[in-house]
């Protein structure tokens, strides 16, 4: 784990990272999945920074190899809001973004 960024944990596969933002209350949590055309850890970091600013998001798992993002969040967080934020990044970066579930 990089001690400069204690909130980002590195899994055994170096292309999978998880960012735990707030201690989750498992009772009212939802997972939202995106397919994102990430090609590097820079892309994954950008996705985490964008989604980490959304109130109610508690964890963001990115997998660059699989090009997936799984966001754990409170039930009240809008999937459309998260998608809109990622679509804005998509337009600027040229990377694809699709809300899966």
PDB file of N, CA and C in Angstrom:
ATOM      1  N   UNK A   1       0.847  -1.181   0.000  1.00  0.00           N
ATOM      2  CA  UNK A   1       0.000   0.000   0.000  1.00  0.00           C
ATOM      3  C   UNK A   1       0.886   1.236   0.000  1.00  0.00           C
ATOM      4  N   UNK A   2       0.509   2.199  -0.785  1.00  0.00           N
ATOM      5  CA  UNK A   2       1.239   3.454  -0.878  1.00  0.00           C
ATOM      6  C   UNK A   2       0.886   4.302   0.340  1.00  0.00           C
ATOM      7  N   UNK A   3       1.864   4.619   1.179  1.00  0.00           N
ATOM      8  CA  UNK A   3       1.597   5.364   2.406  1.00  0.00           C
ATOM      9  C   UNK A   3       1.199   6.806   2.147  1.00  0.00           C
ATOM     10  N   UNK A   4       1.445   7.318   0.940  1.00  0.00           N
ATOM     11  CA  UNK A   4       1.017   8.684   0.625  1.00  0.00           C
ATOM     12  C   UNK A   4      -0.493   8.766   0.452  1.00  0.00           C
ATOM     13  N   UNK A   5      -1.114   7.651   0.087  1.00  0.00           N
ATOM     14  CA  UNK A   5      -2.544   7.624  -0.167  1.00  0.00           C
ATOM     15  C   UNK A   5      -3.170   6.458   0.599  1.00  0.00           C
ATOM     16  N   UNK A   6      -3.338   6.578   1.923  1.00  0.00           N
ATOM     17  CA  UNK A   6      -3.810   5.446   2.721  1.00  0.00           C
ATOM     18  C   UNK A   6      -5.243   5.027   2.402  1.00  0.00           C
ATOM     19  N   UNK A   7      -6.024   5.872   1.734  1.00  0.00           N
ATOM     20  CA  UNK A   7      -7.403   5.539   1.427  1.00  0.00           C
ATOM     21  C   UNK A   7      -7.525   4.713   0.153  1.00  0.00           C
ATOM     22  N   UNK A   8      -6.430   4.483  -0.558  1.00  0.00           N
ATOM     23  CA  UNK A   8      -6.456   3.653  -1.749  1.00  0.00           C
ATOM     24  C   UNK A   8      -5.665   2.385  -1.465  1.00  0.00           C
ATOM     25  N   UNK A   9      -6.338   1.238  -1.561  1.00  0.00           N
ATOM     26  CA  UNK A   9      -5.649  -0.017  -1.312  1.00  0.00           C
ATOM     27  C   UNK A   9      -5.365  -0.707  -2.628  1.00  0.00           C
ATOM     28  N   UNK A  10      -4.237  -1.359  -2.707  1.00  0.00           N
ATOM     29  CA  UNK A  10      -3.821  -2.058  -3.916  1.00  0.00           C
ATOM     30  C   UNK A  10      -4.021  -3.544  -3.688  1.00  0.00           C
ATOM     31  N   UNK A  11      -4.762  -4.206  -4.557  1.00  0.00           N
ATOM     32  CA  UNK A  11      -4.976  -5.642  -4.469  1.00  0.00           C
ATOM     33  C   UNK A  11      -3.801  -6.364  -5.109  1.00  0.00           C
ATOM     34  N   UNK A  12      -3.814  -7.692  -5.017  1.00  0.00           N
ATOM     35  CA  UNK A  12      -2.703  -8.473  -5.563  1.00  0.00           C
ATOM     36  C   UNK A  12      -2.545  -8.242  -7.061  1.00  0.00           C
ATOM     37  N   UNK A  13      -3.636  -8.051  -7.783  1.00  0.00           N
ATOM     38  CA  UNK A  13      -3.561  -7.677  -9.194  1.00  0.00           C
ATOM     39  C   UNK A  13      -3.360  -6.167  -9.223  1.00  0.00           C
ATOM     40  N   UNK A  14      -2.246  -5.718  -9.734  1.00  0.00           N
ATOM     41  CA  UNK A  14      -1.909  -4.296  -9.646  1.00  0.00           C
ATOM     42  C   UNK A  14      -2.881  -3.406 -10.397  1.00  0.00           C
ATOM     43  N   UNK A  15      -3.744  -3.966 -11.221  1.00  0.00           N
ATOM     44  CA  UNK A  15      -4.693  -3.146 -11.955  1.00  0.00           C
ATOM     45  C   UNK A  15      -6.056  -3.057 -11.285  1.00  0.00           C
ATOM     46  N   UNK A  16      -6.170  -3.582 -10.063  1.00  0.00           N
ATOM     47  CA  UNK A  16      -7.415  -3.490  -9.314  1.00  0.00           C
ATOM     48  C   UNK A  16      -7.143  -2.658  -8.076  1.00  0.00           C
ATOM     49  N   UNK A  17      -7.871  -1.571  -7.929  1.00  0.00           N
ATOM     50  CA  UNK A  17      -7.726  -0.764  -6.727  1.00  0.00           C
ATOM     51  C   UNK A  17      -9.090  -0.464  -6.149  1.00  0.00           C
ATOM     52  N   UNK A  18      -9.100  -0.192  -4.870  1.00  0.00           N
ATOM     53  CA  UNK A  18     -10.326   0.102  -4.157  1.00  0.00           C
ATOM     54  C   UNK A  18     -10.107   1.356  -3.335  1.00  0.00           C
ATOM     55  N   UNK A  19     -11.068   2.236  -3.344  1.00  0.00           N
ATOM     56  CA  UNK A  19     -10.985   3.446  -2.539  1.00  0.00           C
ATOM     57  C   UNK A  19     -12.172   3.464  -1.599  1.00  0.00           C
ATOM     58  N   UNK A  20     -11.914   3.332  -0.318  1.00  0.00           N
ATOM     59  CA  UNK A  20     -12.956   3.362   0.697  1.00  0.00           C
ATOM     60  C   UNK A  20     -13.001   4.772   1.255  1.00  0.00           C
ATOM     61  N   UNK A  21     -14.105   5.468   1.017  1.00  0.00           N
ATOM     62  CA  UNK A  21     -14.202   6.882   1.362  1.00  0.00           C
ATOM     63  C   UNK A  21     -14.753   7.077   2.763  1.00  0.00           C
ATOM     64  N   UNK A  22     -15.869   6.442   3.066  1.00  0.00           N
ATOM     65  CA  UNK A  22     -16.481   6.535   4.380  1.00  0.00           C
ATOM     66  C   UNK A  22     -16.746   5.131   4.884  1.00  0.00           C
ATOM     67  N   UNK A  23     -16.748   4.932   6.214  1.00  0.00           N
ATOM     68  CA  UNK A  23     -17.111   3.610   6.716  1.00  0.00           C
ATOM     69  C   UNK A  23     -18.547   3.295   6.280  1.00  0.00           C
ATOM     70  N   UNK A  24     -18.744   2.228   5.528  1.00  0.00           N
ATOM     71  CA  UNK A  24     -20.086   1.967   5.013  1.00  0.00           C
ATOM     72  C   UNK A  24     -21.043   1.443   6.063  1.00  0.00           C
ATOM     73  N   UNK A  25     -22.283   1.886   5.987  1.00  0.00           N
ATOM     74  CA  UNK A  25     -23.380   1.325   6.756  1.00  0.00           C
ATOM     75  C   UNK A  25     -24.069   0.361   5.803  1.00  0.00           C
ATOM     76  N   UNK A  26     -23.849  -0.926   5.982  1.00  0.00           N
ATOM     77  CA  UNK A  26     -24.267  -1.941   5.013  1.00  0.00           C
ATOM     78  C   UNK A  26     -25.782  -2.023   4.840  1.00  0.00           C
ATOM     79  N   UNK A  27     -26.559  -1.449   5.736  1.00  0.00           N
ATOM     80  CA  UNK A  27     -28.006  -1.607   5.664  1.00  0.00           C
ATOM     81  C   UNK A  27     -28.618  -0.947   4.440  1.00  0.00           C
ATOM     82  N   UNK A  28     -28.178   0.226   4.077  1.00  0.00           N
ATOM     83  CA  UNK A  28     -28.800   0.978   2.992  1.00  0.00           C
ATOM     84  C   UNK A  28     -27.813   1.249   1.868  1.00  0.00           C
ATOM     85  N   UNK A  29     -27.047   0.236   1.506  1.00  0.00           N
ATOM     86  CA  UNK A  29     -26.025   0.422   0.488  1.00  0.00           C
ATOM     87  C   UNK A  29     -26.439  -0.260  -0.815  1.00  0.00           C
ATOM     88  N   UNK A  30     -26.002   0.338  -1.920  1.00  0.00           N
ATOM     89  CA  UNK A  30     -26.277  -0.173  -3.254  1.00  0.00           C
ATOM     90  C   UNK A  30     -24.977  -0.204  -4.026  1.00  0.00           C
ATOM     91  N   UNK A  31     -24.845  -1.152  -4.950  1.00  0.00           N
ATOM     92  CA  UNK A  31     -23.701  -1.181  -5.857  1.00  0.00           C
ATOM     93  C   UNK A  31     -24.167  -0.796  -7.251  1.00  0.00           C
ATOM     94  N   UNK A  32     -23.413   0.090  -7.870  1.00  0.00           N
ATOM     95  CA  UNK A  32     -23.670   0.493  -9.253  1.00  0.00           C
ATOM     96  C   UNK A  32     -22.438   0.143 -10.066  1.00  0.00           C
ATOM     97  N   UNK A  33     -22.653  -0.459 -11.229  1.00  0.00           N
ATOM     98  CA  UNK A  33     -21.549  -0.912 -12.081  1.00  0.00           C
ATOM     99  C   UNK A  33     -21.503  -0.102 -13.372  1.00  0.00           C
ATOM    100  N   UNK A  34     -20.268   0.216 -13.756  1.00  0.00           N
ATOM    101  CA  UNK A  34     -20.014   0.909 -15.014  1.00  0.00           C
ATOM    102  C   UNK A  34     -18.970   0.140 -15.808  1.00  0.00           C
ATOM    103  N   UNK A  35     -19.104   0.163 -17.121  1.00  0.00           N
ATOM    104  CA  UNK A  35     -18.027  -0.252 -18.021  1.00  0.00           C
ATOM    105  C   UNK A  35     -17.346   1.038 -18.467  1.00  0.00           C
ATOM    106  N   UNK A  36     -16.049   1.128 -18.196  1.00  0.00           N
ATOM    107  CA  UNK A  36     -15.309   2.362 -18.478  1.00  0.00           C
ATOM    108  C   UNK A  36     -14.058   2.000 -19.266  1.00  0.00           C
ATOM    109  N   UNK A  37     -13.800   2.694 -20.361  1.00  0.00           N
ATOM    110  CA  UNK A  37     -12.658   2.409 -21.232  1.00  0.00           C
ATOM    111  C   UNK A  37     -11.337   2.860 -20.638  1.00  0.00           C
ATOM    112  N   UNK A  38     -11.062   2.454 -19.406  1.00  0.00           N
ATOM    113  CA  UNK A  38      -9.807   2.815 -18.744  1.00  0.00           C
ATOM    114  C   UNK A  38      -8.655   2.043 -19.383  1.00  0.00           C
ATOM    115  N   UNK A  39      -7.547   2.728 -19.599  1.00  0.00           N
ATOM    116  CA  UNK A  39      -6.372   2.077 -20.180  1.00  0.00           C
ATOM    117  C   UNK A  39      -5.177   2.080 -19.241  1.00  0.00           C
ATOM    118  N   UNK A  40      -5.289   2.795 -18.109  1.00  0.00           N
ATOM    119  CA  UNK A  40      -4.154   2.889 -17.187  1.00  0.00           C
ATOM    120  C   UNK A  40      -4.645   3.302 -15.802  1.00  0.00           C
ATOM    121  N   UNK A  41      -3.719   3.311 -14.863  1.00  0.00           N
ATOM    122  CA  UNK A  41      -4.059   3.734 -13.497  1.00  0.00           C
ATOM    123  C   UNK A  41      -4.403   5.222 -13.432  1.00  0.00           C
ATOM    124  N   UNK A  42      -3.916   5.999 -14.382  1.00  0.00           N
ATOM    125  CA  UNK A  42      -4.301   7.413 -14.434  1.00  0.00           C
ATOM    126  C   UNK A  42      -5.791   7.562 -14.680  1.00  0.00           C
ATOM    127  N   UNK A  43      -6.315   6.742 -15.594  1.00  0.00           N
ATOM    128  CA  UNK A  43      -7.758   6.740 -15.864  1.00  0.00           C
ATOM    129  C   UNK A  43      -8.528   6.317 -14.613  1.00  0.00           C
ATOM    130  N   UNK A  44      -8.061   5.244 -13.981  1.00  0.00           N
ATOM    131  CA  UNK A  44      -8.720   4.746 -12.775  1.00  0.00           C
ATOM    132  C   UNK A  44      -8.709   5.812 -11.686  1.00  0.00           C
ATOM    133  N   UNK A  45      -7.597   6.506 -11.544  1.00  0.00           N
ATOM    134  CA  UNK A  45      -7.502   7.572 -10.552  1.00  0.00           C
ATOM    135  C   UNK A  45      -8.463   8.707 -10.839  1.00  0.00           C
ATOM    136  N   UNK A  46      -8.616   9.055 -12.112  1.00  0.00           N
ATOM    137  CA  UNK A  46      -9.553  10.122 -12.483  1.00  0.00           C
ATOM    138  C   UNK A  46     -10.983   9.714 -12.136  1.00  0.00           C
ATOM    139  N   UNK A  47     -11.334   8.479 -12.439  1.00  0.00           N
ATOM    140  CA  UNK A  47     -12.676   7.977 -12.128  1.00  0.00           C
ATOM    141  C   UNK A  47     -12.914   8.032 -10.619  1.00  0.00           C
ATOM    142  N   UNK A  48     -11.928   7.612  -9.841  1.00  0.00           N
ATOM    143  CA  UNK A  48     -12.064   7.635  -8.379  1.00  0.00           C
ATOM    144  C   UNK A  48     -12.203   9.056  -7.844  1.00  0.00           C
ATOM    145  N   UNK A  49     -11.432   9.978  -8.401  1.00  0.00           N
ATOM    146  CA  UNK A  49     -11.533  11.372  -7.949  1.00  0.00           C
ATOM    147  C   UNK A  49     -12.914  11.947  -8.254  1.00  0.00           C
ATOM    148  N   UNK A  50     -13.416  11.664  -9.441  1.00  0.00           N
ATOM    149  CA  UNK A  50     -14.729  12.188  -9.853  1.00  0.00           C
ATOM    150  C   UNK A  50     -15.833  11.613  -8.976  1.00  0.00           C
ATOM    151  N   UNK A  51     -15.877  10.299  -8.856  1.00  0.00           N
ATOM    152  CA  UNK A  51     -16.954   9.659  -8.093  1.00  0.00           C
ATOM    153  C   UNK A  51     -16.789   9.857  -6.595  1.00  0.00           C
ATOM    154  N   UNK A  52     -15.562  10.032  -6.140  1.00  0.00           N
ATOM    155  CA  UNK A  52     -15.309  10.251  -4.718  1.00  0.00           C
ATOM    156  C   UNK A  52     -15.861  11.565  -4.199  1.00  0.00           C
ATOM    157  N   UNK A  53     -16.165  12.487  -5.103  1.00  0.00           N
ATOM    158  CA  UNK A  53     -16.739  13.779  -4.711  1.00  0.00           C
ATOM    159  C   UNK A  53     -18.256  13.723  -4.559  1.00  0.00           C
ATOM    160  N   UNK A  54     -18.864  12.614  -4.970  1.00  0.00           N
ATOM    161  CA  UNK A  54     -20.318  12.479  -4.878  1.00  0.00           C
ATOM    162  C   UNK A  54     -20.683  12.089  -3.450  1.00  0.00           C
ATOM    163  N   UNK A  55     -21.497  12.910  -2.806  1.00  0.00           N
ATOM    164  CA  UNK A  55     -21.907  12.635  -1.431  1.00  0.00           C
ATOM    165  C   UNK A  55     -22.694  11.332  -1.369  1.00  0.00           C
ATOM    166  N   UNK A  56     -22.320  10.461  -0.438  1.00  0.00           N
ATOM    167  CA  UNK A  56     -22.994   9.192  -0.268  1.00  0.00           C
ATOM    168  C   UNK A  56     -22.250   8.021  -0.885  1.00  0.00           C
ATOM    169  N   UNK A  57     -21.220   8.303  -1.704  1.00  0.00           N
ATOM    170  CA  UNK A  57     -20.385   7.239  -2.259  1.00  0.00           C
ATOM    171  C   UNK A  57     -19.422   6.796  -1.162  1.00  0.00           C
ATOM    172  N   UNK A  58     -19.361   5.486  -0.894  1.00  0.00           N
ATOM    173  CA  UNK A  58     -18.524   4.991   0.198  1.00  0.00           C
ATOM    174  C   UNK A  58     -17.336   4.174  -0.276  1.00  0.00           C
ATOM    175  N   UNK A  59     -17.406   3.599  -1.485  1.00  0.00           N
ATOM    176  CA  UNK A  59     -16.299   2.793  -1.980  1.00  0.00           C
ATOM    177  C   UNK A  59     -16.336   2.765  -3.499  1.00  0.00           C
ATOM    178  N   UNK A  60     -15.145   2.777  -4.112  1.00  0.00           N
ATOM    179  CA  UNK A  60     -15.021   2.719  -5.564  1.00  0.00           C
ATOM    180  C   UNK A  60     -13.973   1.669  -5.890  1.00  0.00           C
ATOM    181  N   UNK A  61     -14.385   0.607  -6.583  1.00  0.00           N
ATOM    182  CA  UNK A  61     -13.461  -0.433  -7.032  1.00  0.00           C
ATOM    183  C   UNK A  61     -13.279  -0.287  -8.538  1.00  0.00           C
ATOM    184  N   UNK A  62     -12.032  -0.181  -8.971  1.00  0.00           N
ATOM    185  CA  UNK A  62     -11.745  -0.100 -10.399  1.00  0.00           C
ATOM    186  C   UNK A  62     -10.900  -1.297 -10.802  1.00  0.00           C
ATOM    187  N   UNK A  63     -11.126  -1.785 -12.019  1.00  0.00           N
ATOM    188  CA  UNK A  63     -10.319  -2.862 -12.572  1.00  0.00           C
ATOM    189  C   UNK A  63      -9.980  -2.460 -14.007  1.00  0.00           C
ATOM    190  N   UNK A  64      -8.751  -2.021 -14.209  1.00  0.00           N
ATOM    191  CA  UNK A  64      -8.327  -1.525 -15.514  1.00  0.00           C
ATOM    192  C   UNK A  64      -8.370  -2.640 -16.553  1.00  0.00           C
ATOM    193  N   UNK A  65      -7.919  -3.843 -16.188  1.00  0.00           N
ATOM    194  CA  UNK A  65      -7.903  -4.951 -17.146  1.00  0.00           C
ATOM    195  C   UNK A  65      -9.309  -5.301 -17.632  1.00  0.00           C
ATOM    196  N   UNK A  66     -10.255  -5.376 -16.709  1.00  0.00           N
ATOM    197  CA  UNK A  66     -11.640  -5.717 -17.062  1.00  0.00           C
ATOM    198  C   UNK A  66     -12.426  -4.488 -17.518  1.00  0.00           C
ATOM    199  N   UNK A  67     -11.845  -3.301 -17.312  1.00  0.00           N
ATOM    200  CA  UNK A  67     -12.490  -2.030 -17.666  1.00  0.00           C
ATOM    201  C   UNK A  67     -13.834  -1.854 -16.949  1.00  0.00           C
ATOM    202  N   UNK A  68     -13.831  -2.196 -15.641  1.00  0.00           N
ATOM    203  CA  UNK A  68     -15.043  -2.087 -14.844  1.00  0.00           C
ATOM    204  C   UNK A  68     -14.830  -1.190 -13.630  1.00  0.00           C
ATOM    205  N   UNK A  69     -15.923  -0.576 -13.212  1.00  0.00           N
ATOM    206  CA  UNK A  69     -15.948   0.235 -11.995  1.00  0.00           C
ATOM    207  C   UNK A  69     -17.190  -0.191 -11.219  1.00  0.00           C
ATOM    208  N   UNK A  70     -16.998  -0.504  -9.928  1.00  0.00           N
ATOM    209  CA  UNK A  70     -18.120  -0.834  -9.053  1.00  0.00           C
ATOM    210  C   UNK A  70     -18.117   0.203  -7.935  1.00  0.00           C
ATOM    211  N   UNK A  71     -19.234   0.903  -7.817  1.00  0.00           N
ATOM    212  CA  UNK A  71     -19.371   1.965  -6.823  1.00  0.00           C
ATOM    213  C   UNK A  71     -20.355   1.506  -5.762  1.00  0.00           C
ATOM    214  N   UNK A  72     -19.931   1.528  -4.504  1.00  0.00           N
ATOM    215  CA  UNK A  72     -20.822   1.249  -3.383  1.00  0.00           C
ATOM    216  C   UNK A  72     -21.260   2.595  -2.832  1.00  0.00           C
ATOM    217  N   UNK A  73     -22.570   2.736  -2.662  1.00  0.00           N
ATOM    218  CA  UNK A  73     -23.094   4.041  -2.237  1.00  0.00           C
ATOM    219  C   UNK A  73     -24.399   3.873  -1.487  1.00  0.00           C
ATOM    220  N   UNK A  74     -24.787   4.932  -0.802  1.00  0.00           N
ATOM    221  CA  UNK A  74     -26.070   4.953  -0.115  1.00  0.00           C
ATOM    222  C   UNK A  74     -27.185   4.873  -1.146  1.00  0.00           C
ATOM    223  N   UNK A  75     -28.317   4.304  -0.739  1.00  0.00           N
ATOM    224  CA  UNK A  75     -29.441   4.124  -1.657  1.00  0.00           C
ATOM    225  C   UNK A  75     -29.883   5.421  -2.334  1.00  0.00           C
ATOM    226  N   UNK A  76     -29.757   6.532  -1.665  1.00  0.00           N
ATOM    227  CA  UNK A  76     -30.244   7.804  -2.200  1.00  0.00           C
ATOM    228  C   UNK A  76     -29.371   8.429  -3.276  1.00  0.00           C
ATOM    229  N   UNK A  77     -28.201   7.866  -3.538  1.00  0.00           N
ATOM    230  CA  UNK A  77     -27.305   8.425  -4.550  1.00  0.00           C
ATOM    231  C   UNK A  77     -27.836   8.067  -5.935  1.00  0.00           C
ATOM    232  N   UNK A  78     -27.936   9.053  -6.791  1.00  0.00           N
ATOM    233  CA  UNK A  78     -28.478   8.867  -8.126  1.00  0.00           C
ATOM    234  C   UNK A  78     -27.452   8.238  -9.069  1.00  0.00           C
ATOM    235  N   UNK A  79     -27.842   7.112  -9.669  1.00  0.00           N
ATOM    236  CA  UNK A  79     -26.982   6.483 -10.676  1.00  0.00           C
ATOM    237  C   UNK A  79     -26.792   7.423 -11.860  1.00  0.00           C
ATOM    238  N   UNK A  80     -27.834   8.168 -12.177  1.00  0.00           N
ATOM    239  CA  UNK A  80     -27.776   9.095 -13.301  1.00  0.00           C
ATOM    240  C   UNK A  80     -26.782  10.223 -13.033  1.00  0.00           C
ATOM    241  N   UNK A  81     -26.716  10.697 -11.782  1.00  0.00           N
ATOM    242  CA  UNK A  81     -25.750  11.738 -11.428  1.00  0.00           C
ATOM    243  C   UNK A  81     -24.328  11.230 -11.622  1.00  0.00           C
ATOM    244  N   UNK A  82     -24.063  10.014 -11.118  1.00  0.00           N
ATOM    245  CA  UNK A  82     -22.719   9.450 -11.284  1.00  0.00           C
ATOM    246  C   UNK A  82     -22.407   9.246 -12.767  1.00  0.00           C
ATOM    247  N   UNK A  83     -23.385   8.755 -13.524  1.00  0.00           N
ATOM    248  CA  UNK A  83     -23.187   8.549 -14.953  1.00  0.00           C
ATOM    249  C   UNK A  83     -22.917   9.873 -15.664  1.00  0.00           C
ATOM    250  N   UNK A  84     -23.667  10.910 -15.315  1.00  0.00           N
ATOM    251  CA  UNK A  84     -23.460  12.237 -15.931  1.00  0.00           C
ATOM    252  C   UNK A  84     -22.047  12.741 -15.680  1.00  0.00           C
ATOM    253  N   UNK A  85     -21.559  12.569 -14.458  1.00  0.00           N
ATOM    254  CA  UNK A  85     -20.202  13.018 -14.133  1.00  0.00           C
ATOM    255  C   UNK A  85     -19.159  12.239 -14.931  1.00  0.00           C
ATOM    256  N   UNK A  86     -19.361  10.927 -15.059  1.00  0.00           N
ATOM    257  CA  UNK A  86     -18.418  10.121 -15.836  1.00  0.00           C
ATOM    258  C   UNK A  86     -18.527  10.422 -17.332  1.00  0.00           C
ATOM    259  N   UNK A  87     -19.726  10.737 -17.805  1.00  0.00           N
ATOM    260  CA  UNK A  87     -19.888  11.084 -19.221  1.00  0.00           C
ATOM    261  C   UNK A  87     -19.156  12.388 -19.558  1.00  0.00           C
ATOM    262  N   UNK A  88     -19.156  13.325 -18.635  1.00  0.00           N
ATOM    263  CA  UNK A  88     -18.420  14.582 -18.846  1.00  0.00           C
ATOM    264  C   UNK A  88     -16.928  14.286 -18.976  1.00  0.00           C
ATOM    265  N   UNK A  89     -16.411  13.406 -18.095  1.00  0.00           N
ATOM    266  CA  UNK A  89     -15.009  12.988 -18.190  1.00  0.00           C
ATOM    267  C   UNK A  89     -14.772  12.247 -19.497  1.00  0.00           C
ATOM    268  N   UNK A  90     -15.731  11.425 -19.907  1.00  0.00           N
ATOM    269  CA  UNK A  90     -15.624  10.658 -21.149  1.00  0.00           C
ATOM    270  C   UNK A  90     -15.449  11.585 -22.351  1.00  0.00           C
ATOM    271  N   UNK A  91     -16.207  12.650 -22.382  1.00  0.00           N
ATOM    272  CA  UNK A  91     -16.112  13.603 -23.487  1.00  0.00           C
ATOM    273  C   UNK A  91     -14.748  14.275 -23.525  1.00  0.00           C
ATOM    274  N   UNK A  92     -14.215  14.583 -22.363  1.00  0.00           N
ATOM    275  CA  UNK A  92     -12.912  15.247 -22.289  1.00  0.00           C
ATOM    276  C   UNK A  92     -11.757  14.285 -22.572  1.00  0.00           C
ATOM    277  N   UNK A  93     -11.916  13.035 -22.167  1.00  0.00           N
ATOM    278  CA  UNK A  93     -10.806  12.078 -22.261  1.00  0.00           C
ATOM    279  C   UNK A  93     -10.869  11.181 -23.499  1.00  0.00           C
ATOM    280  N   UNK A  94     -12.048  11.082 -24.097  1.00  0.00           N
ATOM    281  CA  UNK A  94     -12.213  10.180 -25.225  1.00  0.00           C
ATOM    282  C   UNK A  94     -12.421   8.730 -24.823  1.00  0.00           C
ATOM    283  N   UNK A  95     -12.584   8.478 -23.522  1.00  0.00           N
ATOM    284  CA  UNK A  95     -12.779   7.117 -23.010  1.00  0.00           C
ATOM    285  C   UNK A  95     -14.283   6.819 -22.955  1.00  0.00           C
ATOM    286  N   UNK A  96     -14.644   5.575 -23.207  1.00  0.00           N
ATOM    287  CA  UNK A  96     -16.054   5.190 -23.178  1.00  0.00           C
ATOM    288  C   UNK A  96     -16.527   4.993 -21.747  1.00  0.00           C
ATOM    289  N   UNK A  97     -17.818   5.259 -21.523  1.00  0.00           N
ATOM    290  CA  UNK A  97     -18.463   5.049 -20.224  1.00  0.00           C
ATOM    291  C   UNK A  97     -19.862   4.523 -20.484  1.00  0.00           C
ATOM    292  N   UNK A  98     -20.229   3.447 -19.795  1.00  0.00           N
ATOM    293  CA  UNK A  98     -21.590   2.911 -19.902  1.00  0.00           C
ATOM    294  C   UNK A  98     -22.062   2.463 -18.530  1.00  0.00           C
ATOM    295  N   UNK A  99     -23.251   2.898 -18.156  1.00  0.00           N
ATOM    296  CA  UNK A  99     -23.884   2.439 -16.920  1.00  0.00           C
ATOM    297  C   UNK A  99     -24.418   1.038 -17.170  1.00  0.00           C
ATOM    298  N   UNK A 100     -23.961   0.065 -16.366  1.00  0.00           N
ATOM    299  CA  UNK A 100     -24.355  -1.330 -16.558  1.00  0.00           C
ATOM    300  C   UNK A 100     -25.538  -1.680 -15.657  1.00  0.00           C
ATOM    301  N   UNK A 101     -25.421  -1.367 -14.380  1.00  0.00           N
ATOM    302  CA  UNK A 101     -26.505  -1.671 -13.436  1.00  0.00           C
ATOM    303  C   UNK A 101     -26.399  -0.824 -12.193  1.00  0.00           C
TER     304      UNK A 101
END
